[in-house]
PDB file of N, CA and C in Angstrom:
ATOM      1  N   MET A   1     156.604 139.573 135.206  1.00  0.00           N
ATOM      2  CA  MET A   1     157.484 140.178 136.170  1.00  0.00           C
ATOM      3  C   MET A   1     156.837 141.431 136.768  1.00  0.00           C
ATOM      4  N   LEU A   2     156.155 142.214 135.963  1.00  0.00           N
ATOM      5  CA  LEU A   2     155.471 143.413 136.447  1.00  0.00           C
ATOM      6  C   LEU A   2     154.476 143.057 137.553  1.00  0.00           C
ATOM      7  N   ALA A   3     153.762 141.954 137.379  1.00  0.00           N
ATOM      8  CA  ALA A   3     152.750 141.543 138.357  1.00  0.00           C
ATOM      9  C   ALA A   3     153.359 141.194 139.711  1.00  0.00           C
ATOM     10  N   ARG A   4     154.616 140.808 139.749  1.00  0.00           N
ATOM     11  CA  ARG A   4     155.297 140.501 141.015  1.00  0.00           C
ATOM     12  C   ARG A   4     156.062 141.707 141.562  1.00  0.00           C
ATOM     13  N   THR A   5     156.665 142.469 140.677  1.00  0.00           N
ATOM     14  CA  THR A   5     157.558 143.551 141.092  1.00  0.00           C
ATOM     15  C   THR A   5     156.825 144.736 141.704  1.00  0.00           C
ATOM     16  N   VAL A   6     155.792 145.210 141.051  1.00  0.00           N
ATOM     17  CA  VAL A   6     155.102 146.414 141.530  1.00  0.00           C
ATOM     18  C   VAL A   6     154.445 146.186 142.898  1.00  0.00           C
ATOM     19  N   PRO A   7     153.730 145.076 143.116  1.00  0.00           N
ATOM     20  CA  PRO A   7     153.194 144.868 144.473  1.00  0.00           C
ATOM     21  C   PRO A   7     154.291 144.750 145.540  1.00  0.00           C
ATOM     22  N   ALA A   8     155.408 144.126 145.204  1.00  0.00           N
ATOM     23  CA  ALA A   8     156.513 144.022 146.156  1.00  0.00           C
ATOM     24  C   ALA A   8     157.076 145.407 146.474  1.00  0.00           C
ATOM     25  N   LEU A   9     157.220 146.246 145.459  1.00  0.00           N
ATOM     26  CA  LEU A   9     157.704 147.612 145.662  1.00  0.00           C
ATOM     27  C   LEU A   9     156.734 148.394 146.543  1.00  0.00           C
ATOM     28  N   ARG A  10     155.447 148.282 146.265  1.00  0.00           N
ATOM     29  CA  ARG A  10     154.441 148.977 147.083  1.00  0.00           C
ATOM     30  C   ARG A  10     154.485 148.507 148.530  1.00  0.00           C
ATOM     31  N   ASP A  11     154.723 147.223 148.739  1.00  0.00           N
ATOM     32  CA  ASP A  11     154.815 146.685 150.092  1.00  0.00           C
ATOM     33  C   ASP A  11     156.027 147.257 150.826  1.00  0.00           C
ATOM     34  N   VAL A  12     157.161 147.342 150.149  1.00  0.00           N
ATOM     35  CA  VAL A  12     158.362 147.927 150.755  1.00  0.00           C
ATOM     36  C   VAL A  12     158.096 149.386 151.127  1.00  0.00           C
ATOM     37  N   ILE A  13     157.486 150.126 150.227  1.00  0.00           N
ATOM     38  CA  ILE A  13     157.181 151.535 150.501  1.00  0.00           C
ATOM     39  C   ILE A  13     156.247 151.649 151.702  1.00  0.00           C
ATOM     40  N   ARG A  14     155.226 150.832 151.739  1.00  0.00           N
ATOM     41  CA  ARG A  14     154.256 150.873 152.839  1.00  0.00           C
ATOM     42  C   ARG A  14     154.937 150.579 154.176  1.00  0.00           C
ATOM     43  N   ARG A  15     155.807 149.591 154.207  1.00  0.00           N
ATOM     44  CA  ARG A  15     156.454 149.186 155.452  1.00  0.00           C
ATOM     45  C   ARG A  15     157.579 150.121 155.885  1.00  0.00           C
ATOM     46  N   HIS A  16     158.128 150.895 154.939  1.00  0.00           N
ATOM     47  CA  HIS A  16     159.298 151.728 155.255  1.00  0.00           C
ATOM     48  C   HIS A  16     159.095 153.188 154.856  1.00  0.00           C
ATOM     49  N   LEU A  17     157.873 153.661 154.894  1.00  0.00           N
ATOM     50  CA  LEU A  17     157.584 155.045 154.509  1.00  0.00           C
ATOM     51  C   LEU A  17     158.432 156.003 155.353  1.00  0.00           C
ATOM     52  N   GLY A  18     159.142 156.874 154.690  1.00  0.00           N
ATOM     53  CA  GLY A  18     160.005 157.832 155.360  1.00  0.00           C
ATOM     54  C   GLY A  18     161.415 157.335 155.615  1.00  0.00           C
ATOM     55  N   ASP A  19     161.654 156.058 155.398  1.00  0.00           N
ATOM     56  CA  ASP A  19     162.984 155.479 155.596  1.00  0.00           C
ATOM     57  C   ASP A  19     163.782 155.503 154.294  1.00  0.00           C
ATOM     58  N   THR A  20     165.094 155.361 154.424  1.00  0.00           N
ATOM     59  CA  THR A  20     165.947 155.129 153.264  1.00  0.00           C
ATOM     60  C   THR A  20     166.092 153.625 153.113  1.00  0.00           C
ATOM     61  N   VAL A  21     165.796 153.134 151.927  1.00  0.00           N
ATOM     62  CA  VAL A  21     165.819 151.693 151.653  1.00  0.00           C
ATOM     63  C   VAL A  21     166.689 151.445 150.430  1.00  0.00           C
ATOM     64  N   VAL A  22     167.496 150.408 150.474  1.00  0.00           N
ATOM     65  CA  VAL A  22     168.297 150.003 149.326  1.00  0.00           C
ATOM     66  C   VAL A  22     167.740 148.687 148.809  1.00  0.00           C
ATOM     67  N   LEU A  23     167.381 148.669 147.540  1.00  0.00           N
ATOM     68  CA  LEU A  23     166.930 147.451 146.876  1.00  0.00           C
ATOM     69  C   LEU A  23     167.987 147.062 145.863  1.00  0.00           C
ATOM     70  N   VAL A  24     168.317 145.804 145.812  1.00  0.00           N
ATOM     71  CA  VAL A  24     169.289 145.298 144.845  1.00  0.00           C
ATOM     72  C   VAL A  24     168.546 144.340 143.925  1.00  0.00           C
ATOM     73  N   GLY A  25     168.668 144.578 142.617  1.00  0.00           N
ATOM     74  CA  GLY A  25     167.954 143.721 141.679  1.00  0.00           C
ATOM     75  C   GLY A  25     168.663 143.632 140.343  1.00  0.00           C
ATOM     76  N   HIS A  26     168.174 142.740 139.533  1.00  0.00           N
ATOM     77  CA  HIS A  26     168.684 142.585 138.173  1.00  0.00           C
ATOM     78  C   HIS A  26     168.182 143.733 137.310  1.00  0.00           C
ATOM     79  N   ASP A  27     168.844 143.947 136.198  1.00  0.00           N
ATOM     80  CA  ASP A  27     168.465 145.054 135.321  1.00  0.00           C
ATOM     81  C   ASP A  27     167.007 144.967 134.874  1.00  0.00           C
ATOM     82  N   SER A  28     166.487 143.771 134.699  1.00  0.00           N
ATOM     83  CA  SER A  28     165.093 143.615 134.267  1.00  0.00           C
ATOM     84  C   SER A  28     164.129 144.135 135.323  1.00  0.00           C
ATOM     85  N   VAL A  29     164.367 143.771 136.564  1.00  0.00           N
ATOM     86  CA  VAL A  29     163.515 144.251 137.661  1.00  0.00           C
ATOM     87  C   VAL A  29     163.674 145.757 137.815  1.00  0.00           C
ATOM     88  N   ASN A  30     164.900 146.233 137.723  1.00  0.00           N
ATOM     89  CA  ASN A  30     165.144 147.673 137.831  1.00  0.00           C
ATOM     90  C   ASN A  30     164.379 148.441 136.761  1.00  0.00           C
ATOM     91  N   ARG A  31     164.383 147.948 135.547  1.00  0.00           N
ATOM     92  CA  ARG A  31     163.658 148.625 134.468  1.00  0.00           C
ATOM     93  C   ARG A  31     162.163 148.673 134.752  1.00  0.00           C
ATOM     94  N   VAL A  32     161.611 147.589 135.244  1.00  0.00           N
ATOM     95  CA  VAL A  32     160.176 147.554 135.550  1.00  0.00           C
ATOM     96  C   VAL A  32     159.851 148.562 136.652  1.00  0.00           C
ATOM     97  N   ILE A  33     160.687 148.622 137.686  1.00  0.00           N
ATOM     98  CA  ILE A  33     160.470 149.599 138.750  1.00  0.00           C
ATOM     99  C   ILE A  33     160.542 151.019 138.194  1.00  0.00           C
ATOM    100  N   LEU A  34     161.529 151.280 137.349  1.00  0.00           N
ATOM    101  CA  LEU A  34     161.670 152.617 136.767  1.00  0.00           C
ATOM    102  C   LEU A  34     160.484 152.968 135.870  1.00  0.00           C
ATOM    103  N   LEU A  35     160.039 152.033 135.063  1.00  0.00           N
ATOM    104  CA  LEU A  35     158.867 152.291 134.218  1.00  0.00           C
ATOM    105  C   LEU A  35     157.655 152.623 135.075  1.00  0.00           C
ATOM    106  N   HIS A  36     157.485 151.889 136.152  1.00  0.00           N
ATOM    107  CA  HIS A  36     156.370 152.165 137.062  1.00  0.00           C
ATOM    108  C   HIS A  36     156.516 153.554 137.683  1.00  0.00           C
ATOM    109  N   ALA A  37     157.720 153.872 138.153  1.00  0.00           N
ATOM    110  CA  ALA A  37     157.964 155.166 138.779  1.00  0.00           C
ATOM    111  C   ALA A  37     157.730 156.325 137.812  1.00  0.00           C
ATOM    112  N   LEU A  38     158.074 156.122 136.566  1.00  0.00           N
ATOM    113  CA  LEU A  38     157.925 157.160 135.541  1.00  0.00           C
ATOM    114  C   LEU A  38     156.566 157.124 134.848  1.00  0.00           C
ATOM    115  N   ASP A  39     155.725 156.174 135.264  1.00  0.00           N
ATOM    116  CA  ASP A  39     154.394 156.005 134.670  1.00  0.00           C
ATOM    117  C   ASP A  39     154.475 155.806 133.155  1.00  0.00           C
ATOM    118  N   LEU A  40     155.420 154.947 132.745  1.00  0.00           N
ATOM    119  CA  LEU A  40     155.608 154.623 131.334  1.00  0.00           C
ATOM    120  C   LEU A  40     155.146 153.190 131.064  1.00  0.00           C
ATOM    121  N   PRO A  41     154.706 152.898 129.846  1.00  0.00           N
ATOM    122  CA  PRO A  41     154.262 151.542 129.519  1.00  0.00           C
ATOM    123  C   PRO A  41     155.445 150.588 129.350  1.00  0.00           C
ATOM    124  N   LEU A  42     155.162 149.297 129.484  1.00  0.00           N
ATOM    125  CA  LEU A  42     156.213 148.282 129.302  1.00  0.00           C
ATOM    126  C   LEU A  42     156.866 148.341 127.928  1.00  0.00           C
ATOM    127  N   SER A  43     156.177 148.898 126.953  1.00  0.00           N
ATOM    128  CA  SER A  43     156.755 148.998 125.608  1.00  0.00           C
ATOM    129  C   SER A  43     158.003 149.880 125.584  1.00  0.00           C
ATOM    130  N   ARG A  44     158.233 150.650 126.637  1.00  0.00           N
ATOM    131  CA  ARG A  44     159.420 151.517 126.723  1.00  0.00           C
ATOM    132  C   ARG A  44     160.581 150.822 127.443  1.00  0.00           C
ATOM    133  N   TYR A  45     160.426 149.552 127.750  1.00  0.00           N
ATOM    134  CA  TYR A  45     161.381 148.764 128.523  1.00  0.00           C
ATOM    135  C   TYR A  45     162.823 148.948 128.040  1.00  0.00           C
ATOM    136  N   TRP A  46     163.061 148.784 126.752  1.00  0.00           N
ATOM    137  CA  TRP A  46     164.431 148.841 126.227  1.00  0.00           C
ATOM    138  C   TRP A  46     164.942 150.263 126.052  1.00  0.00           C
ATOM    139  N   ARG A  47     164.125 151.263 126.353  1.00  0.00           N
ATOM    140  CA  ARG A  47     164.553 152.651 126.239  1.00  0.00           C
ATOM    141  C   ARG A  47     165.285 153.136 127.488  1.00  0.00           C
ATOM    142  N   LEU A  48     165.302 152.291 128.529  1.00  0.00           N
ATOM    143  CA  LEU A  48     165.998 152.637 129.769  1.00  0.00           C
ATOM    144  C   LEU A  48     167.297 151.852 129.859  1.00  0.00           C
ATOM    145  N   GLY A  49     168.421 152.559 129.931  1.00  0.00           N
ATOM    146  CA  GLY A  49     169.701 151.893 130.088  1.00  0.00           C
ATOM    147  C   GLY A  49     169.898 151.449 131.528  1.00  0.00           C
ATOM    148  N   GLN A  50     170.451 150.264 131.693  1.00  0.00           N
ATOM    149  CA  GLN A  50     170.774 149.750 133.018  1.00  0.00           C
ATOM    150  C   GLN A  50     172.078 148.984 132.920  1.00  0.00           C
ATOM    151  N   ALA A  51     173.179 149.674 133.200  1.00  0.00           N
ATOM    152  CA  ALA A  51     174.502 149.055 133.165  1.00  0.00           C
ATOM    153  C   ALA A  51     174.663 148.147 134.385  1.00  0.00           C
ATOM    154  N   PRO A  52     175.554 147.162 134.293  1.00  0.00           N
ATOM    155  CA  PRO A  52     175.846 146.338 135.474  1.00  0.00           C
ATOM    156  C   PRO A  52     176.313 147.219 136.640  1.00  0.00           C
ATOM    157  N   CYS A  53     175.792 146.963 137.813  1.00  0.00           N
ATOM    158  CA  CYS A  53     176.141 147.673 139.056  1.00  0.00           C
ATOM    159  C   CYS A  53     175.694 149.133 139.060  1.00  0.00           C
ATOM    160  N   ALA A  54     174.788 149.510 138.171  1.00  0.00           N
ATOM    161  CA  ALA A  54     174.292 150.885 138.131  1.00  0.00           C
ATOM    162  C   ALA A  54     173.417 151.163 139.351  1.00  0.00           C
ATOM    163  N   ILE A  55     173.386 152.421 139.736  1.00  0.00           N
ATOM    164  CA  ILE A  55     172.553 152.868 140.855  1.00  0.00           C
ATOM    165  C   ILE A  55     171.475 153.795 140.318  1.00  0.00           C
ATOM    166  N   ASN A  56     170.239 153.526 140.732  1.00  0.00           N
ATOM    167  CA  ASN A  56     169.110 154.403 140.443  1.00  0.00           C
ATOM    168  C   ASN A  56     168.614 154.923 141.787  1.00  0.00           C
ATOM    169  N   GLU A  57     168.343 156.206 141.859  1.00  0.00           N
ATOM    170  CA  GLU A  57     167.835 156.776 143.111  1.00  0.00           C
ATOM    171  C   GLU A  57     166.445 157.325 142.877  1.00  0.00           C
ATOM    172  N   LEU A  58     165.512 156.821 143.675  1.00  0.00           N
ATOM    173  CA  LEU A  58     164.117 157.249 143.596  1.00  0.00           C
ATOM    174  C   LEU A  58     163.687 157.790 144.946  1.00  0.00           C
ATOM    175  N   ASP A  59     162.958 158.868 144.936  1.00  0.00           N
ATOM    176  CA  ASP A  59     162.316 159.373 146.147  1.00  0.00           C
ATOM    177  C   ASP A  59     160.825 159.139 145.997  1.00  0.00           C
ATOM    178  N   PHE A  60     160.192 158.741 147.082  1.00  0.00           N
ATOM    179  CA  PHE A  60     158.753 158.526 147.051  1.00  0.00           C
ATOM    180  C   PHE A  60     158.100 159.426 148.080  1.00  0.00           C
ATOM    181  N   SER A  61     157.075 160.119 147.638  1.00  0.00           N
ATOM    182  CA  SER A  61     156.225 160.872 148.560  1.00  0.00           C
ATOM    183  C   SER A  61     154.811 160.361 148.328  1.00  0.00           C
ATOM    184  N   GLY A  62     153.882 160.838 149.085  1.00  0.00           N
ATOM    185  CA  GLY A  62     152.503 160.395 148.913  1.00  0.00           C
ATOM    186  C   GLY A  62     151.959 160.649 147.519  1.00  0.00           C
ATOM    187  N   ASP A  63     152.595 161.576 146.774  1.00  0.00           N
ATOM    188  CA  ASP A  63     152.138 161.921 145.425  1.00  0.00           C
ATOM    189  C   ASP A  63     152.738 161.036 144.344  1.00  0.00           C
ATOM    190  N   GLY A  64     153.749 160.254 144.670  1.00  0.00           N
ATOM    191  CA  GLY A  64     154.382 159.406 143.675  1.00  0.00           C
ATOM    192  C   GLY A  64     155.888 159.467 143.768  1.00  0.00           C
ATOM    193  N   PHE A  65     156.520 159.117 142.675  1.00  0.00           N
ATOM    194  CA  PHE A  65     157.971 158.994 142.624  1.00  0.00           C
ATOM    195  C   PHE A  65     158.627 160.202 141.970  1.00  0.00           C
ATOM    196  N   VAL A  66     159.838 160.470 142.413  1.00  0.00           N
ATOM    197  CA  VAL A  66     160.735 161.401 141.734  1.00  0.00           C
ATOM    198  C   VAL A  66     161.997 160.607 141.440  1.00  0.00           C
ATOM    199  N   VAL A  67     162.394 160.548 140.171  1.00  0.00           N
ATOM    200  CA  VAL A  67     163.631 159.871 139.802  1.00  0.00           C
ATOM    201  C   VAL A  67     164.753 160.883 139.975  1.00  0.00           C
ATOM    202  N   VAL A  68     165.607 160.636 140.959  1.00  0.00           N
ATOM    203  CA  VAL A  68     166.697 161.555 141.302  1.00  0.00           C
ATOM    204  C   VAL A  68     167.907 161.287 140.418  1.00  0.00           C
ATOM    205  N   SER A  69     168.244 160.017 140.228  1.00  0.00           N
ATOM    206  CA  SER A  69     169.332 159.656 139.317  1.00  0.00           C
ATOM    207  C   SER A  69     168.991 158.326 138.661  1.00  0.00           C
ATOM    208  N   LEU A  70     169.573 158.126 137.490  1.00  0.00           N
ATOM    209  CA  LEU A  70     169.251 156.960 136.684  1.00  0.00           C
ATOM    210  C   LEU A  70     170.524 156.396 136.066  1.00  0.00           C
ATOM    211  N   ASN A  71     170.743 155.093 136.255  1.00  0.00           N
ATOM    212  CA  ASN A  71     171.859 154.392 135.625  1.00  0.00           C
ATOM    213  C   ASN A  71     173.222 155.009 135.982  1.00  0.00           C
ATOM    214  N   GLU A  72     173.370 155.415 137.234  1.00  0.00           N
ATOM    215  CA  GLU A  72     174.600 156.049 137.706  1.00  0.00           C
ATOM    216  C   GLU A  72     175.708 154.991 137.855  1.00  0.00           C
ATOM    217  N   THR A  73     176.845 155.242 137.228  1.00  0.00           N
ATOM    218  CA  THR A  73     177.950 154.288 137.283  1.00  0.00           C
ATOM    219  C   THR A  73     179.282 154.944 137.657  1.00  0.00           C
ATOM    220  N   SER A  74     179.258 156.184 138.101  1.00  0.00           N
ATOM    221  CA  SER A  74     180.526 156.869 138.403  1.00  0.00           C
ATOM    222  C   SER A  74     181.297 156.183 139.529  1.00  0.00           C
ATOM    223  N   HIS A  75     180.615 155.461 140.392  1.00  0.00           N
ATOM    224  CA  HIS A  75     181.295 154.742 141.478  1.00  0.00           C
ATOM    225  C   HIS A  75     182.158 153.584 140.961  1.00  0.00           C
ATOM    226  N   LEU A  76     181.983 153.237 139.700  1.00  0.00           N
ATOM    227  CA  LEU A  76     182.753 152.140 139.113  1.00  0.00           C
ATOM    228  C   LEU A  76     184.050 152.614 138.470  1.00  0.00           C
ATOM    229  N   THR A  77     184.227 153.930 138.333  1.00  0.00           N
ATOM    230  CA  THR A  77     185.426 154.480 137.715  1.00  0.00           C
ATOM    231  C   THR A  77     186.596 154.327 138.668  1.00  0.00           C
ATOM    232  N   PRO A  78     187.714 153.759 138.192  1.00  0.00           N
ATOM    233  CA  PRO A  78     188.887 153.602 139.084  1.00  0.00           C
ATOM    234  C   PRO A  78     189.383 154.960 139.572  1.00  0.00           C
ATOM    235  N   ALA A  79     189.810 154.998 140.825  1.00  0.00           N
ATOM    236  CA  ALA A  79     190.352 156.229 141.398  1.00  0.00           C
ATOM    237  C   ALA A  79     191.673 156.587 140.737  1.00  0.00           C
ATOM    238  N   ALA A  80     191.920 157.872 140.568  1.00  0.00           N
ATOM    239  CA  ALA A  80     193.161 158.325 139.923  1.00  0.00           C
ATOM    240  C   ALA A  80     194.327 158.259 140.854  1.00  0.00           C
TER     241      ALA A  80
END
């Protein structure tokens, strides 16, 4: 999965540099993207929580990624 995900992510970044892009994926793909963004090995895969419908926010600059938020689920809380 890493061999497919990272090149696809790089292609999206290349084609949309400076744009806001929303990617929707399964928790497995999300974890691989996050590991890549954080420069962590695949052995840390299960150390990243990914709840159903969670939102991760990443910023990319020419220097790499900044993880702005991780596994955000507050949008799933019912309104009072």
